[in-house]
Amino acid sequence: GQPHNTRWAQYSAAAKAAKAARTGSWATCPSL
């Protein structure tokens, strides 16, 4: 219910890239 913050596009892209590359905890966790 809250608006996306001003860094949302950058943050969302970074999270998607890390998840796709299975970086960090994405290597073993289904969600963070």
PDB file of all heavy atoms in Angstrom:
ATOM      1  N   GLY A   1       0.793  -1.226   0.000  1.00  0.00           N
ATOM      2  CA  GLY A   1       0.000   0.000   0.000  1.00  0.00           C
ATOM      3  C   GLY A   1       0.822   1.272   0.000  1.00  0.00           C
ATOM      4  O   GLY A   1       0.260   2.368  -0.083  1.00  0.00           O
ATOM      5  N   GLN A   2       2.139   1.172   0.078  1.00  0.00           N
ATOM      6  CA  GLN A   2       3.003   2.347   0.071  1.00  0.00           C
ATOM      7  C   GLN A   2       3.555   2.560  -1.335  1.00  0.00           C
ATOM      8  O   GLN A   2       3.735   1.612  -2.098  1.00  0.00           O
ATOM      9  CB  GLN A   2       4.176   2.165   1.043  1.00  0.00           C
ATOM     10  CG  GLN A   2       3.763   2.083   2.496  1.00  0.00           C
ATOM     11  CD  GLN A   2       3.177   3.388   3.000  1.00  0.00           C
ATOM     12  OE1 GLN A   2       3.711   4.453   2.767  1.00  0.00           O
ATOM     13  NE2 GLN A   2       2.042   3.285   3.666  1.00  0.00           N
ATOM     14  N   PRO A   3       3.860   3.816  -1.684  1.00  0.00           N
ATOM     15  CA  PRO A   3       4.448   4.057  -3.009  1.00  0.00           C
ATOM     16  C   PRO A   3       5.878   3.525  -3.063  1.00  0.00           C
ATOM     17  O   PRO A   3       6.536   3.375  -2.025  1.00  0.00           O
ATOM     18  CB  PRO A   3       4.437   5.587  -3.118  1.00  0.00           C
ATOM     19  CG  PRO A   3       4.472   6.062  -1.707  1.00  0.00           C
ATOM     20  CD  PRO A   3       3.703   5.030  -0.907  1.00  0.00           C
ATOM     21  N   HIS A   4       6.349   3.229  -4.259  1.00  0.00           N
ATOM     22  CA  HIS A   4       7.747   2.826  -4.413  1.00  0.00           C
ATOM     23  C   HIS A   4       8.640   4.007  -4.084  1.00  0.00           C
ATOM     24  O   HIS A   4       8.365   5.130  -4.496  1.00  0.00           O
ATOM     25  CB  HIS A   4       8.011   2.347  -5.838  1.00  0.00           C
ATOM     26  CG  HIS A   4       7.415   1.016  -6.123  1.00  0.00           C
ATOM     27  ND1 HIS A   4       7.101   0.604  -7.395  1.00  0.00           N
ATOM     28  CD2 HIS A   4       7.074  -0.014  -5.320  1.00  0.00           C
ATOM     29  CE1 HIS A   4       6.599  -0.611  -7.357  1.00  0.00           C
ATOM     30  NE2 HIS A   4       6.563  -1.004  -6.102  1.00  0.00           N
ATOM     31  N   ASN A   5       9.703   3.747  -3.322  1.00  0.00           N
ATOM     32  CA  ASN A   5      10.640   4.813  -2.974  1.00  0.00           C
ATOM     33  C   ASN A   5      11.405   5.249  -4.219  1.00  0.00           C
ATOM     34  O   ASN A   5      11.325   4.616  -5.264  1.00  0.00           O
ATOM     35  CB  ASN A   5      11.581   4.351  -1.852  1.00  0.00           C
ATOM     36  CG  ASN A   5      12.360   3.116  -2.232  1.00  0.00           C
ATOM     37  OD1 ASN A   5      13.136   3.125  -3.175  1.00  0.00           O
ATOM     38  ND2 ASN A   5      12.151   2.036  -1.497  1.00  0.00           N
ATOM     39  N   THR A   6      12.167   6.334  -4.105  1.00  0.00           N
ATOM     40  CA  THR A   6      12.850   6.895  -5.267  1.00  0.00           C
ATOM     41  C   THR A   6      13.989   6.017  -5.782  1.00  0.00           C
ATOM     42  O   THR A   6      14.441   6.208  -6.904  1.00  0.00           O
ATOM     43  CB  THR A   6      13.396   8.302  -4.970  1.00  0.00           C
ATOM     44  OG1 THR A   6      14.265   8.237  -3.834  1.00  0.00           O
ATOM     45  CG2 THR A   6      12.257   9.276  -4.695  1.00  0.00           C
ATOM     46  N   ARG A   7      14.445   5.045  -5.016  1.00  0.00           N
ATOM     47  CA  ARG A   7      15.496   4.137  -5.461  1.00  0.00           C
ATOM     48  C   ARG A   7      14.949   2.775  -5.900  1.00  0.00           C
ATOM     49  O   ARG A   7      15.710   1.854  -6.159  1.00  0.00           O
ATOM     50  CB  ARG A   7      16.532   3.949  -4.350  1.00  0.00           C
ATOM     51  CG  ARG A   7      17.237   5.250  -3.998  1.00  0.00           C
ATOM     52  CD  ARG A   7      18.347   5.049  -2.996  1.00  0.00           C
ATOM     53  NE  ARG A   7      18.861   6.341  -2.567  1.00  0.00           N
ATOM     54  CZ  ARG A   7      19.872   6.495  -1.727  1.00  0.00           C
ATOM     55  NH1 ARG A   7      20.491   5.434  -1.229  1.00  0.00           N
ATOM     56  NH2 ARG A   7      20.268   7.692  -1.380  1.00  0.00           N
ATOM     57  N   TRP A   8      13.637   2.656  -5.999  1.00  0.00           N
ATOM     58  CA  TRP A   8      13.010   1.368  -6.277  1.00  0.00           C
ATOM     59  C   TRP A   8      13.540   0.714  -7.552  1.00  0.00           C
ATOM     60  O   TRP A   8      13.865  -0.469  -7.559  1.00  0.00           O
ATOM     61  CB  TRP A   8      11.490   1.490  -6.344  1.00  0.00           C
ATOM     62  CG  TRP A   8      10.861   0.189  -6.729  1.00  0.00           C
ATOM     63  CD1 TRP A   8      10.320  -0.141  -7.943  1.00  0.00           C
ATOM     64  CD2 TRP A   8      10.767  -0.990  -5.937  1.00  0.00           C
ATOM     65  NE1 TRP A   8       9.872  -1.438  -7.937  1.00  0.00           N
ATOM     66  CE2 TRP A   8      10.140  -1.987  -6.700  1.00  0.00           C
ATOM     67  CE3 TRP A   8      11.152  -1.299  -4.626  1.00  0.00           C
ATOM     68  CZ2 TRP A   8       9.887  -3.258  -6.238  1.00  0.00           C
ATOM     69  CZ3 TRP A   8      10.893  -2.580  -4.150  1.00  0.00           C
ATOM     70  CH2 TRP A   8      10.266  -3.545  -4.945  1.00  0.00           C
ATOM     71  N   ALA A   9      13.617   1.438  -8.650  1.00  0.00           N
ATOM     72  CA  ALA A   9      14.046   0.846  -9.919  1.00  0.00           C
ATOM     73  C   ALA A   9      15.456   0.266  -9.792  1.00  0.00           C
ATOM     74  O   ALA A   9      15.711  -0.871 -10.204  1.00  0.00           O
ATOM     75  CB  ALA A   9      13.986   1.876 -11.043  1.00  0.00           C
ATOM     76  N   GLN A  10      16.362   1.019  -9.191  1.00  0.00           N
ATOM     77  CA  GLN A  10      17.740   0.553  -9.009  1.00  0.00           C
ATOM     78  C   GLN A  10      17.786  -0.635  -8.057  1.00  0.00           C
ATOM     79  O   GLN A  10      18.468  -1.627  -8.321  1.00  0.00           O
ATOM     80  CB  GLN A  10      18.597   1.695  -8.473  1.00  0.00           C
ATOM     81  CG  GLN A  10      20.037   1.323  -8.248  1.00  0.00           C
ATOM     82  CD  GLN A  10      20.851   2.451  -7.632  1.00  0.00           C
ATOM     83  OE1 GLN A  10      20.316   3.340  -6.991  1.00  0.00           O
ATOM     84  NE2 GLN A  10      22.155   2.398  -7.825  1.00  0.00           N
ATOM     85  N   TYR A  11      17.059  -0.555  -6.952  1.00  0.00           N
ATOM     86  CA  TYR A  11      17.055  -1.633  -5.965  1.00  0.00           C
ATOM     87  C   TYR A  11      16.431  -2.908  -6.531  1.00  0.00           C
ATOM     88  O   TYR A  11      16.947  -4.009  -6.337  1.00  0.00           O
ATOM     89  CB  TYR A  11      16.298  -1.197  -4.713  1.00  0.00           C
ATOM     90  CG  TYR A  11      17.093  -0.373  -3.736  1.00  0.00           C
ATOM     91  CD1 TYR A  11      18.237   0.326  -4.104  1.00  0.00           C
ATOM     92  CD2 TYR A  11      16.685  -0.281  -2.417  1.00  0.00           C
ATOM     93  CE1 TYR A  11      18.948   1.075  -3.183  1.00  0.00           C
ATOM     94  CE2 TYR A  11      17.398   0.463  -1.487  1.00  0.00           C
ATOM     95  CZ  TYR A  11      18.517   1.145  -1.875  1.00  0.00           C
ATOM     96  OH  TYR A  11      19.224   1.876  -0.963  1.00  0.00           O
ATOM     97  N   SER A  12      15.313  -2.760  -7.230  1.00  0.00           N
ATOM     98  CA  SER A  12      14.637  -3.916  -7.802  1.00  0.00           C
ATOM     99  C   SER A  12      15.517  -4.606  -8.840  1.00  0.00           C
ATOM    100  O   SER A  12      15.616  -5.838  -8.863  1.00  0.00           O
ATOM    101  CB  SER A  12      13.309  -3.466  -8.425  1.00  0.00           C
ATOM    102  OG  SER A  12      12.625  -4.549  -8.970  1.00  0.00           O
ATOM    103  N   ALA A  13      16.186  -3.835  -9.676  1.00  0.00           N
ATOM    104  CA  ALA A  13      17.085  -4.403 -10.688  1.00  0.00           C
ATOM    105  C   ALA A  13      18.252  -5.139 -10.033  1.00  0.00           C
ATOM    106  O   ALA A  13      18.636  -6.231 -10.468  1.00  0.00           O
ATOM    107  CB  ALA A  13      17.596  -3.309 -11.619  1.00  0.00           C
ATOM    108  N   ALA A  14      18.812  -4.564  -8.984  1.00  0.00           N
ATOM    109  CA  ALA A  14      19.933  -5.203  -8.276  1.00  0.00           C
ATOM    110  C   ALA A  14      19.496  -6.522  -7.649  1.00  0.00           C
ATOM    111  O   ALA A  14      20.222  -7.523  -7.708  1.00  0.00           O
ATOM    112  CB  ALA A  14      20.492  -4.271  -7.210  1.00  0.00           C
ATOM    113  N   ALA A  15      18.311  -6.540  -7.052  1.00  0.00           N
ATOM    114  CA  ALA A  15      17.805  -7.762  -6.422  1.00  0.00           C
ATOM    115  C   ALA A  15      17.549  -8.846  -7.467  1.00  0.00           C
ATOM    116  O   ALA A  15      17.895 -10.019  -7.256  1.00  0.00           O
ATOM    117  CB  ALA A  15      16.531  -7.463  -5.636  1.00  0.00           C
ATOM    118  N   LYS A  16      16.951  -8.468  -8.592  1.00  0.00           N
ATOM    119  CA  LYS A  16      16.676  -9.437  -9.654  1.00  0.00           C
ATOM    120  C   LYS A  16      17.968 -10.022 -10.218  1.00  0.00           C
ATOM    121  O   LYS A  16      18.067 -11.225 -10.472  1.00  0.00           O
ATOM    122  CB  LYS A  16      15.858  -8.789 -10.766  1.00  0.00           C
ATOM    123  CG  LYS A  16      14.412  -8.562 -10.386  1.00  0.00           C
ATOM    124  CD  LYS A  16      13.651  -7.834 -11.476  1.00  0.00           C
ATOM    125  CE  LYS A  16      12.256  -7.515 -10.987  1.00  0.00           C
ATOM    126  NZ  LYS A  16      11.534  -6.646 -11.919  1.00  0.00           N
ATOM    127  N   ALA A  17      18.980  -9.169 -10.403  1.00  0.00           N
ATOM    128  CA  ALA A  17      20.266  -9.639 -10.936  1.00  0.00           C
ATOM    129  C   ALA A  17      20.939 -10.606  -9.962  1.00  0.00           C
ATOM    130  O   ALA A  17      21.469 -11.643 -10.371  1.00  0.00           O
ATOM    131  CB  ALA A  17      21.182  -8.454 -11.233  1.00  0.00           C
ATOM    132  N   ALA A  18      20.906 -10.283  -8.672  1.00  0.00           N
ATOM    133  CA  ALA A  18      21.514 -11.163  -7.665  1.00  0.00           C
ATOM    134  C   ALA A  18      20.779 -12.502  -7.608  1.00  0.00           C
ATOM    135  O   ALA A  18      21.417 -13.559  -7.519  1.00  0.00           O
ATOM    136  CB  ALA A  18      21.506 -10.490  -6.297  1.00  0.00           C
ATOM    137  N   LYS A  19      19.466 -12.460  -7.680  1.00  0.00           N
ATOM    138  CA  LYS A  19      18.685 -13.696  -7.637  1.00  0.00           C
ATOM    139  C   LYS A  19      18.972 -14.551  -8.872  1.00  0.00           C
ATOM    140  O   LYS A  19      19.186 -15.764  -8.760  1.00  0.00           O
ATOM    141  CB  LYS A  19      17.192 -13.386  -7.541  1.00  0.00           C
ATOM    142  CG  LYS A  19      16.329 -14.619  -7.377  1.00  0.00           C
ATOM    143  CD  LYS A  19      14.861 -14.253  -7.173  1.00  0.00           C
ATOM    144  CE  LYS A  19      14.020 -15.493  -6.942  1.00  0.00           C
ATOM    145  NZ  LYS A  19      12.607 -15.151  -6.709  1.00  0.00           N
ATOM    146  N   ALA A  20      19.011 -13.928 -10.045  1.00  0.00           N
ATOM    147  CA  ALA A  20      19.267 -14.665 -11.286  1.00  0.00           C
ATOM    148  C   ALA A  20      20.655 -15.301 -11.286  1.00  0.00           C
ATOM    149  O   ALA A  20      20.839 -16.408 -11.790  1.00  0.00           O
ATOM    150  CB  ALA A  20      19.109 -13.739 -12.487  1.00  0.00           C
ATOM    151  N   ALA A  21      21.626 -14.612 -10.682  1.00  0.00           N
ATOM    152  CA  ALA A  21      23.001 -15.132 -10.634  1.00  0.00           C
ATOM    153  C   ALA A  21      23.231 -16.054  -9.437  1.00  0.00           C
ATOM    154  O   ALA A  21      24.328 -16.582  -9.273  1.00  0.00           O
ATOM    155  CB  ALA A  21      23.984 -13.965 -10.584  1.00  0.00           C
ATOM    156  N   ARG A  22      22.189 -16.227  -8.608  1.00  0.00           N
ATOM    157  CA  ARG A  22      22.281 -17.051  -7.389  1.00  0.00           C
ATOM    158  C   ARG A  22      23.432 -16.563  -6.502  1.00  0.00           C
ATOM    159  O   ARG A  22      24.206 -17.337  -5.951  1.00  0.00           O
ATOM    160  CB  ARG A  22      22.394 -18.523  -7.731  1.00  0.00           C
ATOM    161  CG  ARG A  22      21.154 -19.035  -8.481  1.00  0.00           C
ATOM    162  CD  ARG A  22      21.154 -20.500  -8.814  1.00  0.00           C
ATOM    163  NE  ARG A  22      21.454 -21.391  -7.715  1.00  0.00           N
ATOM    164  CZ  ARG A  22      20.572 -21.882  -6.835  1.00  0.00           C
ATOM    165  NH1 ARG A  22      19.314 -21.529  -6.919  1.00  0.00           N
ATOM    166  NH2 ARG A  22      20.951 -22.719  -5.903  1.00  0.00           N
ATOM    167  N   THR A  23      23.508 -15.237  -6.366  1.00  0.00           N
ATOM    168  CA  THR A  23      24.526 -14.586  -5.554  1.00  0.00           C
ATOM    169  C   THR A  23      24.158 -14.672  -4.081  1.00  0.00           C
ATOM    170  O   THR A  23      22.984 -14.597  -3.714  1.00  0.00           O
ATOM    171  CB  THR A  23      24.654 -13.099  -5.968  1.00  0.00           C
ATOM    172  OG1 THR A  23      24.962 -13.046  -7.350  1.00  0.00           O
ATOM    173  CG2 THR A  23      25.721 -12.383  -5.171  1.00  0.00           C
ATOM    174  N   GLY A  24      25.171 -14.807  -3.218  1.00  0.00           N
ATOM    175  CA  GLY A  24      24.958 -14.798  -1.775  1.00  0.00           C
ATOM    176  C   GLY A  24      23.989 -15.869  -1.326  1.00  0.00           C
ATOM    177  O   GLY A  24      24.079 -17.032  -1.726  1.00  0.00           O
ATOM    178  N   SER A  25      23.031 -15.483  -0.529  1.00  0.00           N
ATOM    179  CA  SER A  25      22.066 -16.438   0.022  1.00  0.00           C
ATOM    180  C   SER A  25      21.096 -16.969  -1.012  1.00  0.00           C
ATOM    181  O   SER A  25      20.440 -17.984  -0.781  1.00  0.00           O
ATOM    182  CB  SER A  25      21.300 -15.797   1.190  1.00  0.00           C
ATOM    183  OG  SER A  25      22.185 -15.549   2.273  1.00  0.00           O
ATOM    184  N   TRP A  26      21.013 -16.331  -2.183  1.00  0.00           N
ATOM    185  CA  TRP A  26      20.156 -16.859  -3.240  1.00  0.00           C
ATOM    186  C   TRP A  26      20.630 -18.238  -3.696  1.00  0.00           C
ATOM    187  O   TRP A  26      19.867 -18.993  -4.287  1.00  0.00           O
ATOM    188  CB  TRP A  26      20.096 -15.909  -4.432  1.00  0.00           C
ATOM    189  CG  TRP A  26      19.251 -14.697  -4.187  1.00  0.00           C
ATOM    190  CD1 TRP A  26      19.665 -13.401  -4.160  1.00  0.00           C
ATOM    191  CD2 TRP A  26      17.842 -14.655  -3.931  1.00  0.00           C
ATOM    192  NE1 TRP A  26      18.611 -12.558  -3.897  1.00  0.00           N
ATOM    193  CE2 TRP A  26      17.483 -13.307  -3.755  1.00  0.00           C
ATOM    194  CE3 TRP A  26      16.848 -15.634  -3.831  1.00  0.00           C
ATOM    195  CZ2 TRP A  26      16.169 -12.906  -3.492  1.00  0.00           C
ATOM    196  CZ3 TRP A  26      15.544 -15.233  -3.560  1.00  0.00           C
ATOM    197  CH2 TRP A  26      15.212 -13.887  -3.396  1.00  0.00           C
ATOM    198  N   ALA A  27      21.887 -18.589  -3.415  1.00  0.00           N
ATOM    199  CA  ALA A  27      22.399 -19.889  -3.812  1.00  0.00           C
ATOM    200  C   ALA A  27      21.723 -21.033  -3.049  1.00  0.00           C
ATOM    201  O   ALA A  27      21.622 -22.149  -3.547  1.00  0.00           O
ATOM    202  CB  ALA A  27      23.909 -19.953  -3.596  1.00  0.00           C
ATOM    203  N   THR A  28      21.223 -20.736  -1.843  1.00  0.00           N
ATOM    204  CA  THR A  28      20.634 -21.775  -1.016  1.00  0.00           C
ATOM    205  C   THR A  28      19.241 -21.478  -0.485  1.00  0.00           C
ATOM    206  O   THR A  28      18.576 -22.357   0.045  1.00  0.00           O
ATOM    207  CB  THR A  28      21.538 -22.074   0.197  1.00  0.00           C
ATOM    208  OG1 THR A  28      21.738 -20.868   0.931  1.00  0.00           O
ATOM    209  CG2 THR A  28      22.888 -22.631  -0.254  1.00  0.00           C
ATOM    210  N   CYS A  29      18.787 -20.229  -0.617  1.00  0.00           N
ATOM    211  CA  CYS A  29      17.495 -19.837  -0.053  1.00  0.00           C
ATOM    212  C   CYS A  29      16.454 -19.607  -1.152  1.00  0.00           C
ATOM    213  O   CYS A  29      16.741 -18.967  -2.156  1.00  0.00           O
ATOM    214  CB  CYS A  29      17.640 -18.551   0.739  1.00  0.00           C
ATOM    215  SG  CYS A  29      18.763 -18.658   2.147  1.00  0.00           S
ATOM    216  N   PRO A  30      15.220 -20.101  -0.953  1.00  0.00           N
ATOM    217  CA  PRO A  30      14.172 -19.883  -1.944  1.00  0.00           C
ATOM    218  C   PRO A  30      13.654 -18.446  -1.929  1.00  0.00           C
ATOM    219  O   PRO A  30      13.122 -17.954  -2.912  1.00  0.00           O
ATOM    220  CB  PRO A  30      13.075 -20.857  -1.536  1.00  0.00           C
ATOM    221  CG  PRO A  30      13.299 -21.102  -0.077  1.00  0.00           C
ATOM    222  CD  PRO A  30      14.780 -20.965   0.149  1.00  0.00           C
ATOM    223  N   SER A  31      13.820 -17.748  -0.801  1.00  0.00           N
ATOM    224  CA  SER A  31      13.411 -16.345  -0.684  1.00  0.00           C
ATOM    225  C   SER A  31      14.260 -15.706   0.399  1.00  0.00           C
ATOM    226  O   SER A  31      14.856 -16.382   1.240  1.00  0.00           O
ATOM    227  CB  SER A  31      11.923 -16.208  -0.340  1.00  0.00           C
ATOM    228  OG  SER A  31      11.668 -16.707   0.956  1.00  0.00           O
ATOM    229  N   LEU A  32      14.317 -14.375   0.354  1.00  0.00           N
ATOM    230  CA  LEU A  32      15.044 -13.613   1.371  1.00  0.00           C
ATOM    231  C   LEU A  32      14.090 -12.578   1.927  1.00  0.00           C
ATOM    232  O   LEU A  32      13.511 -11.811   1.172  1.00  0.00           O
ATOM    233  CB  LEU A  32      16.269 -12.911   0.763  1.00  0.00           C
ATOM    234  CG  LEU A  32      17.292 -13.814   0.062  1.00  0.00           C
ATOM    235  CD1 LEU A  32      18.405 -12.972  -0.529  1.00  0.00           C
ATOM    236  CD2 LEU A  32      17.844 -14.852   1.019  1.00  0.00           C
TER     237      LEU A  32
END
